[in-house]
Structures are given as C-alpha cells and as structure tokens.
N, C-alpha and C. Protein backbone atom coordinates (compact mmCIF):
# COMPACT_ATOMS: atom_id res chain seq x y z
N UNK A 1 -31.94 34.10 -264.41
CA UNK A 1 -31.50 33.22 -265.95
C UNK A 1 -30.05 33.52 -266.40
N UNK A 2 -29.48 32.17 -266.19
CA UNK A 2 -27.94 32.60 -266.73
C UNK A 2 -28.06 32.54 -268.28
N UNK A 3 -27.37 33.99 -268.99
CA UNK A 3 -27.44 34.11 -270.57
C UNK A 3 -26.76 32.75 -270.63
N UNK A 4 -27.33 32.46 -272.12
CA UNK A 4 -26.75 31.50 -272.78
C UNK A 4 -25.26 31.43 -273.18
N UNK A 5 -24.57 32.62 -273.45
CA UNK A 5 -23.08 32.74 -273.43
C UNK A 5 -22.82 33.85 -273.00
N UNK A 6 -21.35 34.36 -272.64
CA UNK A 6 -20.98 35.31 -271.89
C UNK A 6 -19.35 35.12 -272.72
N UNK A 7 -18.83 36.06 -272.70
CA UNK A 7 -17.53 36.60 -272.97
C UNK A 7 -16.97 36.50 -271.59
N UNK A 8 -15.61 35.04 -271.98
CA UNK A 8 -15.24 35.34 -270.56
C UNK A 8 -13.42 36.09 -270.98
N UNK A 9 -13.02 36.32 -269.78
CA UNK A 9 -11.39 37.26 -269.60
C UNK A 9 -10.24 35.82 -269.40
N UNK A 10 -9.25 36.30 -269.86
CA UNK A 10 -8.75 35.39 -269.42
C UNK A 10 -7.60 34.99 -268.20
N UNK A 11 -8.48 34.65 -267.07
CA UNK A 11 -8.29 34.39 -265.78
C UNK A 11 -9.00 33.32 -265.35
N UNK A 12 -8.12 33.13 -264.00
CA UNK A 12 -9.16 31.95 -263.05
C UNK A 12 -9.50 31.02 -263.61
N UNK A 13 -10.63 30.68 -263.82
CA UNK A 13 -11.62 29.76 -264.17
C UNK A 13 -10.94 29.14 -265.48
N UNK A 14 -10.78 30.21 -266.75
CA UNK A 14 -11.07 29.93 -267.91
C UNK A 14 -9.66 29.60 -267.89
N UNK A 15 -8.54 29.67 -267.33
CA UNK A 15 -6.83 29.64 -267.59
C UNK A 15 -6.82 27.90 -267.29
N UNK A 16 -7.65 27.55 -266.00
CA UNK A 16 -7.49 26.22 -265.36
C UNK A 16 -8.34 25.13 -266.43
N UNK A 17 -9.55 25.74 -267.03
CA UNK A 17 -9.88 25.55 -268.25
C UNK A 17 -8.52 24.69 -269.29
N UNK A 18 -8.57 25.52 -269.81
CA UNK A 18 -7.14 25.55 -271.10
C UNK A 18 -6.22 25.22 -270.80
N UNK A 19 -6.02 25.34 -269.48
CA UNK A 19 -4.79 24.22 -269.09
C UNK A 19 -4.95 22.73 -269.31
N UNK A 20 -6.54 22.71 -269.22
CA UNK A 20 -6.89 21.22 -269.48
C UNK A 20 -6.61 20.58 -270.52
N UNK A 21 -7.33 22.16 -271.13
CA UNK A 21 -7.48 21.15 -272.66
C UNK A 21 -5.90 21.13 -273.48
N UNK A 22 -4.94 22.06 -273.04
CA UNK A 22 -3.36 21.57 -273.13
C UNK A 22 -2.84 20.85 -273.34
N UNK A 23 -3.27 20.15 -271.84
CA UNK A 23 -2.75 18.48 -271.44
C UNK A 23 -3.18 17.71 -272.09
N UNK A 24 -4.78 18.12 -272.35
CA UNK A 24 -5.46 17.09 -273.06
C UNK A 24 -4.92 16.63 -274.38
N UNK A 25 -4.23 17.42 -275.38
CA UNK A 25 -3.73 17.22 -276.88
C UNK A 25 -2.43 17.25 -277.03
N UNK A 26 -1.85 17.72 -275.88
CA UNK A 26 -0.32 17.79 -275.58
C UNK A 26 0.05 19.12 -275.81
N UNK A 27 -0.47 20.00 -275.79
CA UNK A 27 -0.45 21.06 -276.39
C UNK A 27 0.88 22.48 -275.86
N UNK A 28 2.04 23.01 -276.52
CA UNK A 28 2.95 23.17 -276.07
C UNK A 28 3.29 25.20 -276.93
N UNK A 29 2.27 25.59 -276.31
CA UNK A 29 2.47 26.91 -276.53
C UNK A 29 3.67 28.03 -276.11
N UNK A 30 4.15 27.00 -275.26
CA UNK A 30 5.55 27.97 -275.00
C UNK A 30 6.58 27.72 -275.55
N UNK A 31 6.18 26.62 -276.62
CA UNK A 31 7.63 26.04 -277.70
C UNK A 31 7.42 27.63 -278.58
N UNK A 32 6.76 27.82 -278.70
CA UNK A 32 6.93 29.21 -279.98
C UNK A 32 6.32 28.43 -281.51
N UNK A 33 6.46 27.29 -281.15
CA UNK A 33 6.05 26.61 -282.48
C UNK A 33 4.39 25.74 -282.77
N UNK A 34 3.66 25.67 -281.30
CA UNK A 34 2.96 25.06 -281.37
C UNK A 34 2.24 23.74 -281.33
N UNK A 35 4.09 23.02 -280.77
CA UNK A 35 3.74 21.27 -281.01
C UNK A 35 2.22 21.05 -280.59
N UNK A 36 2.17 19.89 -280.77
CA UNK A 36 0.84 19.10 -280.04
C UNK A 36 1.32 17.90 -279.96
N UNK A 37 0.30 16.59 -279.46
CA UNK A 37 0.46 15.27 -279.87
C UNK A 37 -0.84 14.64 -279.44
N UNK A 38 -1.75 14.61 -280.95
CA UNK A 38 -3.53 14.14 -280.71
C UNK A 38 -3.48 13.16 -280.14
N UNK A 39 -4.19 13.33 -279.34
CA UNK A 39 -4.75 11.78 -277.91
C UNK A 39 -5.03 10.72 -278.77
N UNK A 40 -5.28 9.38 -278.37
CA UNK A 40 -5.51 8.50 -279.27
C UNK A 40 -7.29 8.65 -279.55
N UNK A 41 -7.59 8.89 -278.68
CA UNK A 41 -9.26 9.11 -279.34
C UNK A 41 -9.70 10.32 -280.08
N UNK A 42 -8.19 10.69 -280.86
CA UNK A 42 -8.68 11.57 -281.85
C UNK A 42 -8.39 11.26 -283.08
N UNK A 43 -9.10 12.43 -283.94
CA UNK A 43 -8.90 12.15 -285.63
C UNK A 43 -8.84 13.95 -285.79
N UNK A 44 -7.51 13.91 -286.82
CA UNK A 44 -7.12 15.11 -287.35
C UNK A 44 -7.74 15.51 -288.82
N UNK A 45 -7.90 16.49 -289.41
CA UNK A 45 -7.89 16.93 -290.50
C UNK A 45 -7.46 18.16 -291.02
N UNK A 46 -6.86 18.12 -292.12
CA UNK A 46 -6.35 19.53 -292.81
C UNK A 46 -7.18 20.15 -293.42
N UNK A 47 -7.02 21.53 -293.56
CA UNK A 47 -8.41 22.53 -293.86
C UNK A 47 -7.37 23.64 -295.19
N UNK A 48 -6.21 23.52 -295.15
CA UNK A 48 -5.09 24.72 -295.97
C UNK A 48 -5.70 24.60 -297.20
N UNK A 49 -6.17 23.91 -297.65
CA UNK A 49 -6.00 24.24 -299.21
C UNK A 49 -7.84 25.11 -299.50
N UNK A 50 -8.41 25.32 -298.02
CA UNK A 50 -10.02 25.99 -298.47
C UNK A 50 -9.70 27.24 -297.91
N UNK A 51 -10.58 28.18 -298.20
CA UNK A 51 -10.57 29.51 -298.28
C UNK A 51 -10.21 29.57 -296.62
N UNK A 52 -11.11 31.10 -296.20
CA UNK A 52 -11.26 31.21 -294.87
C UNK A 52 -12.45 31.01 -294.84
N UNK A 53 -12.91 31.89 -293.49
CA UNK A 53 -13.84 31.32 -292.81
C UNK A 53 -15.29 31.62 -293.28
N UNK A 54 -15.08 32.23 -294.79
CA UNK A 54 -15.91 32.64 -295.80
C UNK A 54 -16.43 31.42 -296.73
N UNK A 55 -15.62 30.30 -296.69
CA UNK A 55 -15.74 29.52 -297.37
C UNK A 55 -16.61 28.08 -297.41
N UNK A 56 -17.75 27.94 -298.11
CA UNK A 56 -18.86 27.50 -297.53
C UNK A 56 -18.54 25.94 -296.84
N UNK A 57 -17.42 25.54 -297.31
CA UNK A 57 -17.24 24.26 -296.95
C UNK A 57 -16.47 24.25 -295.14
N UNK A 58 -15.55 25.36 -295.12
CA UNK A 58 -15.78 25.70 -293.62
C UNK A 58 -17.03 25.35 -292.52
N UNK A 59 -17.55 26.77 -293.29
CA UNK A 59 -19.16 26.57 -292.63
C UNK A 59 -19.67 25.44 -292.17
N UNK A 60 -19.60 24.55 -293.79
CA UNK A 60 -20.80 23.17 -292.87
C UNK A 60 -19.77 22.52 -292.21
N UNK A 61 -18.23 22.18 -292.08
CA UNK A 61 -17.64 21.58 -291.15
C UNK A 61 -17.43 22.57 -289.76
N UNK A 62 -18.48 23.95 -289.67
CA UNK A 62 -18.41 24.47 -288.55
C UNK A 62 -19.93 23.43 -288.23
N UNK A 63 -20.50 23.96 -288.97
CA UNK A 63 -21.78 22.96 -288.64
C UNK A 63 -21.70 21.57 -287.77
N UNK A 64 -21.25 20.71 -288.92
CA UNK A 64 -20.92 19.65 -288.10
C UNK A 64 -20.28 19.62 -286.52
N UNK A 65 -19.37 20.15 -286.32
CA UNK A 65 -19.07 20.43 -285.29
C UNK A 65 -20.43 20.72 -284.08
N UNK A 66 -20.62 21.93 -284.61
CA UNK A 66 -21.87 22.63 -283.47
C UNK A 66 -22.96 21.45 -283.37
N UNK A 67 -23.47 20.71 -284.10
CA UNK A 67 -24.11 19.68 -284.08
C UNK A 67 -23.71 18.48 -283.27
N UNK A 68 -22.42 18.17 -283.27
CA UNK A 68 -21.46 17.19 -282.53
C UNK A 68 -21.61 17.18 -281.14
N UNK A 69 -21.35 18.44 -280.91
CA UNK A 69 -20.57 19.17 -279.25
C UNK A 69 -22.31 19.14 -278.87
N UNK A 70 -23.47 19.20 -279.26
CA UNK A 70 -25.18 19.23 -278.55
C UNK A 70 -25.20 18.19 -278.14
N UNK A 71 -24.49 17.32 -279.55
CA UNK A 71 -25.24 15.79 -279.20
C UNK A 71 -24.59 15.18 -278.00
N UNK A 72 -22.88 15.48 -278.12
CA UNK A 72 -22.46 14.85 -276.82
C UNK A 72 -22.34 15.88 -275.51
N UNK A 73 -22.61 17.02 -275.24
CA UNK A 73 -22.64 17.86 -273.64
C UNK A 73 -24.27 17.46 -273.58
N UNK A 74 -23.91 17.66 -272.08
CA UNK A 74 -25.45 17.25 -271.41
C UNK A 74 -25.88 18.51 -271.10
N UNK A 75 -27.24 18.83 -271.08
CA UNK A 75 -27.82 19.95 -270.80
C UNK A 75 -27.15 20.34 -270.13
N UNK A 76 -27.34 22.02 -270.05
CA UNK A 76 -26.92 22.43 -268.65
C UNK A 76 -25.36 22.69 -268.60
N UNK A 77 -23.96 22.10 -269.09
CA UNK A 77 -23.27 21.73 -269.49
C UNK A 77 -22.48 22.50 -270.31
N UNK A 78 -21.29 23.45 -270.38
CA UNK A 78 -21.01 24.84 -270.70
C UNK A 78 -19.92 24.32 -271.79
N UNK A 79 -19.52 24.54 -272.90
CA UNK A 79 -18.66 24.47 -273.70
C UNK A 79 -17.53 25.67 -273.46
N UNK A 80 -16.23 25.56 -274.06
CA UNK A 80 -15.58 27.06 -273.44
C UNK A 80 -14.56 27.06 -274.89
N UNK A 81 -14.59 27.92 -276.10
CA UNK A 81 -14.22 28.81 -276.19
C UNK A 81 -12.59 29.42 -275.45
N UNK A 82 -11.15 28.58 -275.94
CA UNK A 82 -9.49 29.19 -275.57
C UNK A 82 -8.84 29.40 -275.94
N UNK A 83 -8.52 30.45 -276.45
CA UNK A 83 -7.21 30.64 -277.22
C UNK A 83 -6.20 31.45 -275.81
N UNK A 84 -4.99 30.40 -275.84
CA UNK A 84 -4.08 30.63 -275.25
C UNK A 84 -3.78 32.67 -274.92
N UNK A 85 -3.76 32.67 -273.73
CA UNK A 85 -3.81 34.13 -273.03
C UNK A 85 -4.40 35.58 -273.85
N UNK A 86 -5.72 34.96 -274.38
CA UNK A 86 -6.75 35.70 -275.13
C UNK A 86 -8.04 35.59 -274.22
N UNK A 87 -9.14 36.21 -274.52
CA UNK A 87 -10.52 36.51 -274.17
C UNK A 87 -10.89 35.38 -275.02
N UNK A 88 -12.36 34.67 -274.16
CA UNK A 88 -12.56 33.69 -275.15
C UNK A 88 -14.13 33.75 -275.20
N UNK A 89 -14.68 32.74 -275.01
CA UNK A 89 -16.29 32.04 -275.01
C UNK A 89 -16.59 31.46 -273.92
N UNK A 90 -17.83 31.38 -273.26
CA UNK A 90 -18.25 29.83 -272.43
C UNK A 90 -19.59 30.33 -272.88
N UNK A 91 -20.50 28.81 -272.96
CA UNK A 91 -21.95 28.69 -274.12
C UNK A 91 -22.49 27.78 -273.65
N UNK A 92 -23.61 27.57 -273.24
CA UNK A 92 -24.90 26.36 -273.50
C UNK A 92 -24.70 26.03 -275.27
N UNK A 93 -24.68 24.79 -274.98
CA UNK A 93 -24.37 24.62 -277.06
C UNK A 93 -26.24 24.27 -277.11
N UNK A 94 -27.03 24.17 -276.05
CA UNK A 94 -28.57 23.40 -276.77
C UNK A 94 -29.08 25.21 -276.53
N UNK A 95 -28.32 26.27 -276.17
CA UNK A 95 -29.19 27.94 -276.22
C UNK A 95 -28.88 28.25 -276.85
N UNK A 96 -28.01 27.92 -277.70
CA UNK A 96 -27.06 28.59 -278.96
C UNK A 96 -27.75 28.80 -280.08
N UNK A 97 -27.36 29.17 -281.60
CA UNK A 97 -27.16 28.54 -282.49
C UNK A 97 -28.46 27.91 -283.22
N UNK A 98 -29.43 28.10 -282.60
CA UNK A 98 -30.80 27.65 -283.27
C UNK A 98 -31.20 28.72 -283.10
N UNK A 99 -32.70 28.28 -284.03
CA UNK A 99 -33.85 29.58 -284.16
C UNK A 99 -34.31 30.10 -283.45
N UNK A 100 -34.16 31.45 -283.01
CA UNK A 100 -34.50 32.37 -281.65
C UNK A 100 -33.74 32.62 -281.36
N UNK A 101 -32.53 31.97 -281.26
CA UNK A 101 -31.44 31.69 -280.25
C UNK A 101 -30.32 32.87 -280.57
N UNK A 102 -29.53 33.08 -279.65
CA UNK A 102 -28.38 34.20 -280.01
C UNK A 102 -27.25 32.86 -280.30
N UNK A 103 -26.26 34.20 -281.51
CA UNK A 103 -25.65 32.86 -282.87
C UNK A 103 -24.43 32.33 -281.88
N UNK A 104 -23.62 31.11 -282.69
CA UNK A 104 -23.00 30.45 -282.04
C UNK A 104 -21.66 30.75 -281.86
N UNK A 105 -21.01 31.38 -280.58
CA UNK A 105 -19.81 31.91 -280.29
C UNK A 105 -18.60 31.26 -280.41
N UNK A 106 -17.70 31.87 -281.29
CA UNK A 106 -16.16 30.60 -281.28
C UNK A 106 -16.34 30.22 -282.27
N UNK A 107 -15.52 29.46 -282.75
CA UNK A 107 -15.25 28.49 -283.77
C UNK A 107 -14.67 27.29 -283.16
N UNK A 108 -14.41 26.27 -284.27
CA UNK A 108 -13.82 25.28 -284.27
C UNK A 108 -12.88 25.46 -285.02
N UNK A 109 -12.77 26.00 -286.19
CA UNK A 109 -11.34 26.18 -287.25
C UNK A 109 -11.06 27.28 -287.13
N UNK A 110 -9.56 26.85 -286.55
CA UNK A 110 -8.70 28.01 -286.01
C UNK A 110 -8.54 29.22 -287.50
N UNK A 111 -8.72 30.45 -287.19
CA UNK A 111 -8.54 31.96 -288.35
C UNK A 111 -6.80 32.66 -287.68
N UNK A 112 -6.50 33.03 -286.75
CA UNK A 112 -5.36 33.15 -286.67
C UNK A 112 -5.13 33.12 -285.43
N UNK A 113 -5.30 32.32 -284.51
CA UNK A 113 -4.87 31.98 -283.51
C UNK A 113 -5.05 30.25 -282.71
N UNK A 114 -4.13 29.97 -282.23
CA UNK A 114 -4.37 28.17 -281.32
C UNK A 114 -6.04 28.80 -280.84
N UNK A 115 -6.29 27.38 -281.01
CA UNK A 115 -8.05 27.57 -280.18
C UNK A 115 -8.39 26.46 -279.98
N UNK A 116 -9.15 26.44 -278.66
CA UNK A 116 -10.05 25.07 -278.41
C UNK A 116 -11.50 25.43 -278.08
N UNK A 117 -12.15 24.22 -278.12
CA UNK A 117 -13.78 24.63 -278.42
C UNK A 117 -13.96 23.28 -277.26
N UNK A 118 -14.32 23.26 -275.81
CA UNK A 118 -14.32 22.02 -275.40
C UNK A 118 -14.85 21.88 -274.08
N UNK A 119 -15.14 20.97 -273.70
CA UNK A 119 -16.12 20.96 -272.21
C UNK A 119 -15.07 20.87 -271.42
N UNK A 120 -15.67 21.70 -269.84
CA UNK A 120 -14.59 21.87 -268.90
C UNK A 120 -13.38 21.11 -268.24
N UNK A 121 -14.17 19.86 -268.52
CA UNK A 121 -13.60 18.59 -268.12
C UNK A 121 -12.26 18.11 -269.50
N UNK A 122 -12.80 19.27 -270.25
CA UNK A 122 -11.76 18.59 -271.85
C UNK A 122 -11.93 16.94 -272.59
N UNK A 123 -13.55 16.55 -271.95
CA UNK A 123 -13.87 15.13 -272.07
C UNK A 123 -13.89 14.93 -273.22
N UNK A 124 -14.41 16.26 -274.30
CA UNK A 124 -14.89 16.24 -275.77
C UNK A 124 -14.18 17.50 -276.48
N UNK A 125 -14.08 17.69 -277.30
CA UNK A 125 -13.70 19.04 -277.87
C UNK A 125 -12.82 19.21 -279.64
N UNK A 126 -12.36 20.41 -279.24
CA UNK A 126 -11.47 20.47 -280.92
C UNK A 126 -10.31 21.14 -280.34
N UNK A 127 -9.65 21.25 -281.20
CA UNK A 127 -8.27 22.16 -280.96
C UNK A 127 -7.87 22.41 -282.95
N UNK A 128 -7.56 23.51 -282.63
CA UNK A 128 -7.81 24.32 -284.15
C UNK A 128 -6.07 25.08 -284.15
N UNK A 129 -4.94 24.41 -285.00
CA UNK A 129 -3.71 24.40 -285.66
C UNK A 129 -4.00 25.68 -286.44
N UNK A 130 -3.60 26.97 -286.15
CA UNK A 130 -3.78 27.50 -287.30
C UNK A 130 -2.60 27.76 -288.25
N UNK A 131 -1.33 27.55 -288.00
CA UNK A 131 0.23 27.42 -289.18
C UNK A 131 -0.25 26.15 -289.53
N UNK A 132 -0.31 25.47 -289.00
CA UNK A 132 -0.33 23.76 -289.77
C UNK A 132 -2.19 23.61 -290.60
N UNK A 133 -2.69 24.45 -290.15
CA UNK A 133 -4.42 24.28 -290.68
C UNK A 133 -4.99 22.93 -290.59
N UNK A 134 -4.97 22.52 -289.06
CA UNK A 134 -5.43 21.53 -289.11
C UNK A 134 -6.55 21.60 -288.19
N UNK A 135 -7.16 20.66 -287.61
CA UNK A 135 -8.63 20.33 -286.79
C UNK A 135 -8.30 19.20 -286.58
N UNK A 136 -7.93 19.58 -284.78
CA UNK A 136 -8.27 17.75 -284.50
C UNK A 136 -9.53 17.89 -283.78
N UNK A 137 -10.06 16.59 -283.59
CA UNK A 137 -11.02 16.32 -282.97
C UNK A 137 -11.06 15.63 -281.84
N UNK A 138 -11.12 15.49 -280.49
CA UNK A 138 -10.38 14.55 -279.41
C UNK A 138 -12.21 14.19 -278.52
N UNK A 139 -12.03 12.86 -277.88
CA UNK A 139 -12.97 12.48 -277.19
C UNK A 139 -14.01 11.29 -278.49
N UNK A 140 -13.85 9.96 -278.06
CA UNK A 140 -14.51 9.13 -278.67
C UNK A 140 -15.57 9.81 -278.68
N UNK A 141 -17.08 10.14 -277.64
CA UNK A 141 -18.22 10.23 -278.28
C UNK A 141 -18.04 11.57 -279.62
N UNK A 142 -17.35 12.29 -279.57
CA UNK A 142 -17.44 13.50 -280.43
C UNK A 142 -17.02 13.12 -281.73
N UNK A 143 -15.80 12.33 -281.93
CA UNK A 143 -15.45 11.59 -282.94
C UNK A 143 -16.62 10.89 -283.78
N UNK A 144 -17.03 9.80 -282.91
CA UNK A 144 -18.26 9.45 -283.55
C UNK A 144 -18.99 10.05 -284.23
N UNK A 145 -19.67 10.91 -283.80
CA UNK A 145 -20.87 11.97 -284.03
C UNK A 145 -19.84 12.72 -285.55
N UNK A 146 -18.64 13.14 -285.30
CA UNK A 146 -18.73 14.23 -286.60
C UNK A 146 -18.04 13.79 -287.83
N UNK A 147 -17.03 12.51 -287.53
CA UNK A 147 -15.72 11.56 -288.11
C UNK A 147 -15.95 11.43 -290.18
N UNK A 148 -17.96 11.16 -289.68
CA UNK A 148 -17.99 10.45 -291.39
C UNK A 148 -18.39 11.67 -292.34
N UNK A 149 -18.95 12.93 -291.20
CA UNK A 149 -19.42 14.06 -292.03
C UNK A 149 -18.06 14.71 -292.02
N UNK A 150 -17.08 15.05 -291.66
CA UNK A 150 -16.09 16.03 -291.54
C UNK A 150 -14.94 15.03 -292.67
N UNK A 151 -15.31 13.96 -292.93
CA UNK A 151 -14.43 13.03 -293.50
C UNK A 151 -14.95 13.71 -295.77
N UNK A 152 -16.51 13.58 -295.55
CA UNK A 152 -17.08 13.88 -296.32
C UNK A 152 -16.41 15.14 -296.99
N UNK A 153 -16.31 16.02 -295.71
CA UNK A 153 -16.01 17.54 -296.54
C UNK A 153 -14.86 17.66 -296.13
N UNK A 154 -14.01 17.67 -296.13
CA UNK A 154 -12.67 17.45 -295.57
C UNK A 154 -11.52 16.74 -295.84
N UNK A 155 -12.03 15.56 -296.32
CA UNK A 155 -11.37 14.49 -296.92
C UNK A 155 -10.52 13.80 -295.34
N UNK A 156 -9.91 12.20 -296.18
CA UNK A 156 -9.74 11.18 -294.69
C UNK A 156 -8.10 11.59 -294.24
N UNK A 157 -8.04 13.27 -294.14
CA UNK A 157 -6.52 13.07 -293.54
C UNK A 157 -5.37 12.50 -294.45
N UNK A 158 -5.66 11.67 -295.79
CA UNK A 158 -4.56 11.26 -296.04
C UNK A 158 -4.06 12.63 -297.47
N UNK A 159 -2.91 13.00 -297.44
CA UNK A 159 -2.20 13.97 -298.52
C UNK A 159 -1.60 12.79 -298.92
N UNK A 160 -2.00 13.42 -300.64
CA UNK A 160 -1.20 12.84 -301.92
C UNK A 160 -0.62 14.08 -302.79
N UNK A 161 0.59 14.06 -303.08
CA UNK A 161 1.16 15.31 -303.78
C UNK A 161 1.39 14.98 -305.37
N UNK A 162 0.93 15.28 -306.23
CA UNK A 162 1.28 15.05 -307.86
C UNK A 162 0.66 13.51 -308.13
N UNK A 163 0.94 13.33 -309.36
CA UNK A 163 0.38 12.28 -310.04
C UNK A 163 0.80 11.02 -310.26
C-alpha cells in the first residue's frame, strides 16, 4: 500500500507540478518580488494582522482549507505542497489529518516561503505569499467550499485604515 504522505524532493515531477501552479496564478518567482496575477476563479485574503502559525485564527483557516480540499479532491488524487526550489510534500488528503491518521503535511498559509498547496493539474489549490501575507484560493470548486468560512475568519479582503 502506498503511504498516505511522502516528502518530495524538488526535481522531476514535483518541478513540473510547481510550474503548473506558478502558471495558474501568474507567479513570477524569478522577478525577486513574487509578483502574481490571481486568476479569475480565485479569492484572496490578507492575514498580516494575525500572529504566526500558533495563532488560533490561522489554525482555523488551515482547517477550512483542509476540509475544502478533501471535498474537492477525488479519492486517490494527491495534493502537493510546492515551494519554489525547495522540498515539499505530496499526500492523499483523504488519508491524512483525521483520527488515527498521520497529521496533515504542509500548510496553505505561508510562513517564510512562497508556497502552493494544489492538485497535480493545478485545478484547485492555494498560493501563500509570505511577503504580502496573503492567501489566494483558486479553482471555483474550492472557492465555493471555503469562501464563507475564510471571510468569517479573515475578513472580506477589504482593508480600511483610520476612522
């Protein structure tokens, strides 16, 4: 039986998956600034006013993404955590993170690197921009699954300053 999760080295197939993800959100790592163009079937949320990964709101948002990916990913289909030029993870979301299962590897909300959490074909997934402290969710099916809960947790993406 195939393990439910495995560490993936940055090479070969994981690099091809990463390039699909980068193309999907128009991400330009080589620009040095992490420019991107979120696709039409995406939503973005800012999480910069929250604490790090120990913040309960961040943990709750990660849980929302996990549930959303499980709902959108077919049984046996894998999800890939891709970080440009770094090692990542590949895993079956239906076989991790539940009772008696290994923990969910990777995260949707970027800590110190740009990162994607997506299917191999980049049909659905997330892009975390660690500099802007934004989370981009792409793929209409995933957006529908998570938007209301992320909006409740992170706001509607409209930022106001002052009174």
